[in-house]
Amino acid sequence: MKLNIAFVTGGFSGEAEISYKSAITIEKNIDKERWNLYKIDITTDGWFYKLSSGDKIEVDKNDFSITIDEEKITFDAVLIGIHGTPGEDGKLQGYFDTLHIPYTSCDAATSALTFNKSFTVAVAAFNGIDVSRSVLLFKNSFKSPDELLKSLRFPVFIKPNNGGSSIGMSKVNSPSEELGKAIEKAFNEDDQVLVEEFISGRELTIGVFKSKGEIIPLPITEIISKKDFFDYEAKYLGASEEVTPAKVDELIAEKIREAAVKIYQVFNCKGIVRIDFIYNEEEGKSYMLEINTVPGQSEASIVPQQVHAMGWSLQDFYTALIEECLHN
């Protein structure tokens, strides 16, 4: 008998747009011969399953079920495809934990931790993982950009502390009036803002997942942005070149793979995550930038590129993710 898999998409933030793009790829590549897939759209207006007729069936949140033609359908597992809140920050994971429904992403604690960039770099540094120096600003106590001048070297990156997709992110090359504007832009997205020192080097990113108990790093991608840095436009609107597999020396590639596997273990990750690095060639060191626990899955996204480069089909990949969460 085929198992029922709920595929959740949408979300409560501006990243819902990205979730819907990922949904197209995931739906197209799920093995329908093996799983009964039900796409659940989670929005601020409600949680719904849409019938082929276009009618919407509301999800019963008491047990995460739907009723179609008087038949109650429950789910054996959940494939999480929501970028941003509530699918990437641990909220949905905690809900599914209380219902004892397995899911394909990191657990509630890891998701919440890695969604907070400052907490992520603090835990990474504590465990001997190289990260950039940074300062965390709080909206209710922030007074002046001048307080950054004594503690950090420019250029700096300014980004909302919680969230992903590079929304609200800026690079400031020197202390100027642009610094205040960049901080204000980030505060428009979040009440906490992370300011990090810029590290020069090659931007390398790698997907990592677990299958049959084995942590598997995917082929590395090098991101060559057509802009000054890998912002939202570069990430999602084509203003970057992505080379998969990256043309890097095998010694560098092995350093990145080893660091990625260590990070996956340190943060107790599950499912597929994507870890971003800067490799500084002068120092011969890789610096972790951030961990994406629900990486994009559109046809143009990095993880699908890496899966193909590894020689897997996306159908095999999504099957492996579902099987692993069911096994656990």
Protein backbone atom coordinates (compact mmCIF):
# COMPACT_ATOMS: atom_id res chain seq x y z
CA MET A 1 0.00 0.00 0.00
CA LYS A 2 1.30 3.44 -0.93
CA LEU A 3 2.06 5.81 1.94
CA ASN A 4 0.48 9.26 2.15
CA ILE A 5 3.00 12.09 1.98
CA ALA A 6 2.01 15.69 2.72
CA PHE A 7 4.07 18.21 0.81
CA VAL A 8 3.84 21.58 2.55
CA THR A 9 4.49 24.78 0.63
CA GLY A 10 3.71 28.51 0.92
CA GLY A 11 4.56 30.17 4.21
CA PHE A 12 3.97 33.37 6.12
CA SER A 13 6.77 35.55 4.70
CA GLY A 14 7.89 37.07 1.41
CA GLU A 15 9.82 33.87 0.81
CA ALA A 16 6.53 32.11 -0.02
CA GLU A 17 7.16 33.14 -3.63
CA ILE A 18 10.33 31.02 -3.61
CA SER A 19 8.48 28.14 -1.94
CA TYR A 20 5.99 28.00 -4.82
CA LYS A 21 8.83 27.88 -7.36
CA SER A 22 10.39 24.98 -5.46
CA ALA A 23 7.00 23.27 -5.32
CA ILE A 24 6.82 22.99 -9.11
CA THR A 25 10.06 21.00 -9.23
CA ILE A 26 9.28 18.82 -6.23
CA GLU A 27 5.78 17.89 -7.43
CA LYS A 28 7.10 17.03 -10.88
CA ASN A 29 9.80 14.73 -9.52
CA ILE A 30 8.04 12.82 -6.76
CA ASP A 31 7.62 9.10 -7.47
CA LYS A 32 3.80 8.93 -7.75
CA GLU A 33 4.02 5.15 -8.20
CA ARG A 34 5.39 4.92 -4.68
CA TRP A 35 3.77 7.76 -2.75
CA ASN A 36 0.36 9.41 -2.60
CA LEU A 37 1.36 13.09 -2.61
CA TYR A 38 -0.93 15.80 -1.22
CA LYS A 39 0.24 19.40 -1.60
CA ILE A 40 -0.77 21.45 1.44
CA ASP A 41 -0.62 25.22 1.04
CA ILE A 42 0.11 26.89 4.37
CA THR A 43 -0.60 30.63 4.38
CA THR A 44 -1.76 33.29 6.80
CA ASP A 45 -5.27 32.79 5.37
CA GLY A 46 -5.35 29.10 6.32
CA TRP A 47 -3.99 25.62 5.56
CA PHE A 48 -5.57 24.06 2.49
CA TYR A 49 -5.43 21.14 0.09
CA LYS A 50 -6.75 22.05 -3.36
CA LEU A 51 -8.80 19.50 -5.30
CA SER A 52 -8.44 19.12 -9.08
CA SER A 53 -11.78 20.96 -9.32
CA GLY A 54 -10.17 23.98 -7.65
CA ASP A 55 -12.15 23.57 -4.45
CA LYS A 56 -10.15 23.90 -1.23
CA ILE A 57 -10.23 21.43 1.64
CA GLU A 58 -9.17 22.92 4.98
CA VAL A 59 -6.63 21.01 7.04
CA ASP A 60 -7.74 19.83 10.47
CA LYS A 61 -4.87 21.16 12.59
CA ASN A 62 -5.84 18.94 15.53
CA ASP A 63 -4.24 15.96 13.80
CA PHE A 64 -3.01 17.40 10.46
CA SER A 65 -5.59 15.57 8.37
CA ILE A 66 -7.93 16.34 5.49
CA THR A 67 -11.33 14.87 4.66
CA ILE A 68 -12.25 14.21 1.02
CA ASP A 69 -15.68 12.75 0.17
CA GLU A 70 -16.16 11.83 3.84
CA GLU A 71 -12.86 9.91 3.86
CA LYS A 72 -10.34 11.10 6.45
CA ILE A 73 -6.76 11.15 5.16
CA THR A 74 -3.82 11.22 7.55
CA PHE A 75 -0.17 11.42 6.61
CA ASP A 76 2.75 9.05 7.11
CA ALA A 77 5.37 11.76 6.57
CA VAL A 78 5.74 15.42 5.60
CA LEU A 79 8.03 16.78 2.91
CA ILE A 80 8.83 20.34 3.95
CA GLY A 81 9.19 22.84 1.11
CA ILE A 82 8.52 26.13 2.92
CA HIS A 83 11.29 28.71 2.85
CA GLY A 84 11.18 31.18 5.72
CA THR A 85 8.64 31.00 8.52
CA PRO A 86 7.02 28.67 9.59
CA GLY A 87 8.80 25.91 7.67
CA GLU A 88 12.44 26.90 8.05
CA ASP A 89 12.47 28.31 11.59
CA GLY A 90 11.29 25.25 13.51
CA LYS A 91 7.66 26.21 14.10
CA LEU A 92 6.13 23.54 11.86
CA GLN A 93 8.69 20.99 13.01
CA GLY A 94 7.62 21.46 16.62
CA TYR A 95 3.98 21.04 15.58
CA PHE A 96 4.73 17.80 13.70
CA ASP A 97 6.78 16.54 16.64
CA THR A 98 3.76 16.85 18.93
CA LEU A 99 1.74 14.79 16.44
CA HIS A 100 4.56 12.23 15.98
CA ILE A 101 4.60 12.76 12.20
CA PRO A 102 8.09 12.41 10.64
CA TYR A 103 9.33 15.11 8.28
CA THR A 104 12.20 15.61 5.84
CA SER A 105 13.94 18.62 7.36
CA CYS A 106 16.08 19.39 10.41
CA ASP A 107 14.28 19.17 13.75
CA ALA A 108 12.69 22.11 15.58
CA ALA A 109 15.77 23.00 17.64
CA THR A 110 18.24 22.91 14.73
CA SER A 111 15.84 24.78 12.43
CA ALA A 112 15.28 27.55 14.98
CA LEU A 113 19.00 27.83 15.74
CA THR A 114 20.19 27.99 12.13
CA PHE A 115 17.44 30.46 11.19
CA ASN A 116 19.17 32.87 13.58
CA LYS A 117 22.41 33.81 11.84
CA SER A 118 24.10 35.16 14.98
CA PHE A 119 23.38 32.01 17.00
CA THR A 120 24.61 29.90 14.08
CA VAL A 121 28.01 31.60 13.83
CA ALA A 122 28.39 31.54 17.63
CA VAL A 123 27.81 27.77 17.80
CA ALA A 124 30.07 27.23 14.79
CA ALA A 125 32.91 29.27 16.32
CA PHE A 126 32.54 27.42 19.63
CA ASN A 127 33.08 24.17 17.74
CA GLY A 128 36.21 25.33 15.93
CA ILE A 129 34.54 26.22 12.61
CA ASP A 130 35.97 29.36 10.98
CA VAL A 131 33.49 32.24 10.68
CA SER A 132 33.69 35.98 10.07
CA ARG A 133 33.83 38.45 12.98
CA SER A 134 30.42 40.01 13.56
CA VAL A 135 28.26 42.25 15.72
CA LEU A 136 24.56 41.76 16.46
CA LEU A 137 22.35 44.86 16.61
CA PHE A 138 18.94 45.07 18.31
CA LYS A 139 16.38 47.52 17.01
CA ASN A 140 15.09 48.58 20.43
CA SER A 141 18.57 49.42 21.74
CA PHE A 142 20.49 50.48 18.62
CA LYS A 143 21.59 54.11 18.78
CA SER A 144 24.16 54.93 16.12
CA PRO A 145 26.20 53.26 13.35
CA ASP A 146 29.26 54.83 14.98
CA GLU A 147 29.36 52.01 17.52
CA LEU A 148 30.41 49.62 14.73
CA LEU A 149 33.46 51.61 13.71
CA LYS A 150 35.54 50.53 16.70
CA SER A 151 34.76 46.81 16.53
CA LEU A 152 34.76 45.85 12.85
CA ARG A 153 36.89 46.37 9.77
CA PHE A 154 35.25 47.47 6.54
CA PRO A 155 33.87 46.32 4.11
CA VAL A 156 30.98 44.71 6.04
CA PHE A 157 27.84 42.81 5.17
CA ILE A 158 24.61 43.90 6.84
CA LYS A 159 21.75 41.42 6.90
CA PRO A 160 18.58 40.61 8.83
CA ASN A 161 19.54 38.15 11.55
CA ASN A 162 16.58 35.84 11.00
CA GLY A 163 15.54 34.54 7.61
CA GLY A 164 17.13 33.66 4.34
CA SER A 165 17.11 34.46 0.63
CA SER A 166 19.30 37.58 1.10
CA ILE A 167 16.28 39.86 1.47
CA GLY A 168 17.30 43.13 3.14
CA MET A 169 21.02 42.41 2.76
CA SER A 170 23.63 45.05 1.85
CA LYS A 171 27.38 45.41 1.50
CA VAL A 172 28.97 48.61 2.83
CA ASN A 173 32.53 49.25 1.69
CA SER A 174 33.46 52.09 4.06
CA PRO A 175 32.03 54.08 7.00
CA SER A 176 29.63 56.54 5.40
CA GLU A 177 26.04 57.61 5.34
CA GLU A 178 25.36 54.37 3.41
CA LEU A 179 26.01 52.43 6.62
CA GLY A 180 22.97 53.91 8.35
CA LYS A 181 20.78 53.35 5.30
CA ALA A 182 21.88 49.71 5.05
CA ILE A 183 21.15 49.09 8.73
CA GLU A 184 17.72 50.70 8.35
CA LYS A 185 17.01 48.50 5.31
CA ALA A 186 17.84 45.37 7.31
CA PHE A 187 15.77 46.54 10.31
CA ASN A 188 12.79 46.80 7.94
CA GLU A 189 12.97 43.00 7.65
CA ASP A 190 13.89 42.03 11.21
CA ASP A 191 14.29 43.49 14.70
CA GLN A 192 17.81 42.05 14.85
CA VAL A 193 20.58 42.83 12.35
CA LEU A 194 23.88 41.03 11.92
CA VAL A 195 26.91 43.00 10.73
CA GLU A 196 29.77 40.81 9.50
CA GLU A 197 33.27 41.61 8.28
CA PHE A 198 33.76 40.92 4.58
CA ILE A 199 36.07 38.01 3.76
CA SER A 200 37.56 38.00 0.28
CA GLY A 201 37.67 34.75 -1.60
CA ARG A 202 35.71 32.32 -3.72
CA GLU A 203 32.08 31.72 -2.80
CA LEU A 204 31.46 27.99 -2.64
CA THR A 205 28.29 26.24 -1.57
CA ILE A 206 27.51 22.59 -1.00
CA GLY A 207 24.41 20.54 -0.33
CA VAL A 208 24.62 17.81 2.31
CA PHE A 209 22.03 15.16 3.11
CA LYS A 210 21.72 11.84 4.89
CA SER A 211 20.62 8.63 3.23
CA LYS A 212 20.58 5.18 4.85
CA GLY A 213 22.41 6.68 7.81
CA GLU A 214 25.30 8.05 5.72
CA ILE A 215 26.07 11.78 5.46
CA ILE A 216 26.55 12.54 1.76
CA PRO A 217 28.07 15.80 0.49
CA LEU A 218 26.90 16.79 -3.00
CA PRO A 219 29.25 18.24 -5.65
CA ILE A 220 30.36 21.80 -4.84
CA THR A 221 29.03 24.86 -6.67
CA GLU A 222 30.99 28.06 -7.15
CA ILE A 223 28.88 31.21 -7.27
CA ILE A 224 30.24 34.01 -9.41
CA SER A 225 27.96 36.98 -8.85
CA LYS A 226 27.53 39.60 -11.54
CA LYS A 227 26.84 42.02 -8.71
CA ASP A 228 29.02 43.08 -5.81
CA PHE A 229 27.76 40.16 -3.74
CA PHE A 230 25.27 37.27 -3.86
CA ASP A 231 22.08 39.19 -3.03
CA TYR A 232 18.44 38.33 -3.75
CA GLU A 233 18.73 39.42 -7.39
CA ALA A 234 21.86 37.38 -7.92
CA LYS A 235 20.38 34.37 -6.13
CA TYR A 236 16.94 34.25 -7.75
CA LEU A 237 16.82 36.60 -10.73
CA GLY A 238 19.78 35.33 -12.72
CA ALA A 239 22.40 37.94 -11.78
CA SER A 240 25.01 35.29 -11.07
CA GLU A 241 26.86 32.43 -12.71
CA GLU A 242 26.84 29.09 -10.92
CA VAL A 243 29.45 26.51 -11.84
CA THR A 244 28.61 22.94 -10.83
CA PRO A 245 30.78 21.11 -10.11
CA ALA A 246 33.07 23.95 -9.08
CA LYS A 247 36.43 24.11 -10.82
CA VAL A 248 38.53 23.91 -7.69
CA ASP A 249 41.63 21.98 -6.72
CA GLU A 250 40.75 18.63 -5.13
CA LEU A 251 42.54 19.64 -1.92
CA ILE A 252 40.24 22.67 -1.62
CA ALA A 253 37.19 20.57 -2.48
CA GLU A 254 38.09 18.06 0.22
CA LYS A 255 38.44 20.87 2.81
CA ILE A 256 34.96 22.11 1.91
CA ARG A 257 33.44 18.62 2.04
CA GLU A 258 35.07 17.86 5.39
CA ALA A 259 33.90 21.18 6.85
CA ALA A 260 30.37 20.62 5.52
CA VAL A 261 30.09 17.13 7.02
CA LYS A 262 31.42 18.43 10.35
CA ILE A 263 28.86 21.26 10.35
CA TYR A 264 26.06 18.80 9.51
CA GLN A 265 27.10 16.71 12.53
CA VAL A 266 27.71 19.63 14.94
CA PHE A 267 24.28 21.13 14.24
CA ASN A 268 22.53 17.72 14.25
CA CYS A 269 21.13 18.37 10.78
CA LYS A 270 18.64 16.12 9.03
CA GLY A 271 17.37 15.99 5.48
CA ILE A 272 18.98 18.23 2.88
CA VAL A 273 20.80 21.41 3.91
CA ARG A 274 22.98 23.77 1.90
CA ILE A 275 26.03 25.31 3.54
CA ASP A 276 27.64 28.44 2.12
CA PHE A 277 31.37 29.13 2.42
CA ILE A 278 33.97 31.69 1.43
CA TYR A 279 37.32 30.11 0.62
CA ASN A 280 40.18 32.54 1.25
CA GLU A 281 43.06 31.36 -0.92
CA GLU A 282 45.72 33.45 0.84
CA GLU A 283 44.94 31.84 4.18
CA GLY A 284 43.98 28.47 2.72
CA LYS A 285 40.87 28.52 4.94
CA SER A 286 37.16 28.06 4.37
CA TYR A 287 34.82 30.34 6.33
CA MET A 288 31.24 29.25 6.93
CA LEU A 289 28.70 31.89 5.98
CA GLU A 290 25.38 30.25 6.82
CA ILE A 291 23.31 27.08 6.85
CA ASN A 292 20.14 26.82 4.78
CA THR A 293 17.94 24.07 6.20
CA VAL A 294 15.30 24.31 3.45
CA PRO A 295 17.34 25.10 0.33
CA GLY A 296 15.64 26.09 -2.92
CA GLN A 297 14.43 23.31 -5.19
CA SER A 298 13.43 25.12 -8.39
CA GLU A 299 14.96 23.80 -11.62
CA ALA A 300 17.51 26.62 -11.52
CA SER A 301 18.34 26.18 -7.82
CA ILE A 302 21.73 25.01 -6.64
CA VAL A 303 20.79 21.74 -4.93
CA PRO A 304 19.01 20.27 -7.99
CA GLN A 305 22.09 21.20 -10.05
CA GLN A 306 24.30 19.37 -7.57
CA VAL A 307 22.03 16.32 -7.49
CA HIS A 308 22.26 16.04 -11.28
CA ALA A 309 26.04 16.52 -11.14
CA MET A 310 26.24 13.60 -8.71
CA GLY A 311 24.47 11.42 -11.28
CA TRP A 312 21.17 11.08 -9.41
CA SER A 313 17.72 11.93 -10.68
CA LEU A 314 15.63 14.30 -8.56
CA GLN A 315 13.09 11.51 -8.18
CA ASP A 316 15.76 9.29 -6.60
CA PHE A 317 16.85 12.19 -4.40
CA TYR A 318 13.38 13.03 -3.04
CA THR A 319 12.70 9.33 -2.51
CA ALA A 320 15.90 9.09 -0.44
CA LEU A 321 14.84 12.08 1.70
CA ILE A 322 11.40 10.60 2.38
CA GLU A 323 12.80 7.14 3.12
CA GLU A 324 15.35 8.57 5.55
CA CYS A 325 12.75 10.51 7.54
CA LEU A 326 10.46 7.47 7.67
CA HIS A 327 13.34 5.30 8.86
CA ASN A 328 14.14 7.73 11.68
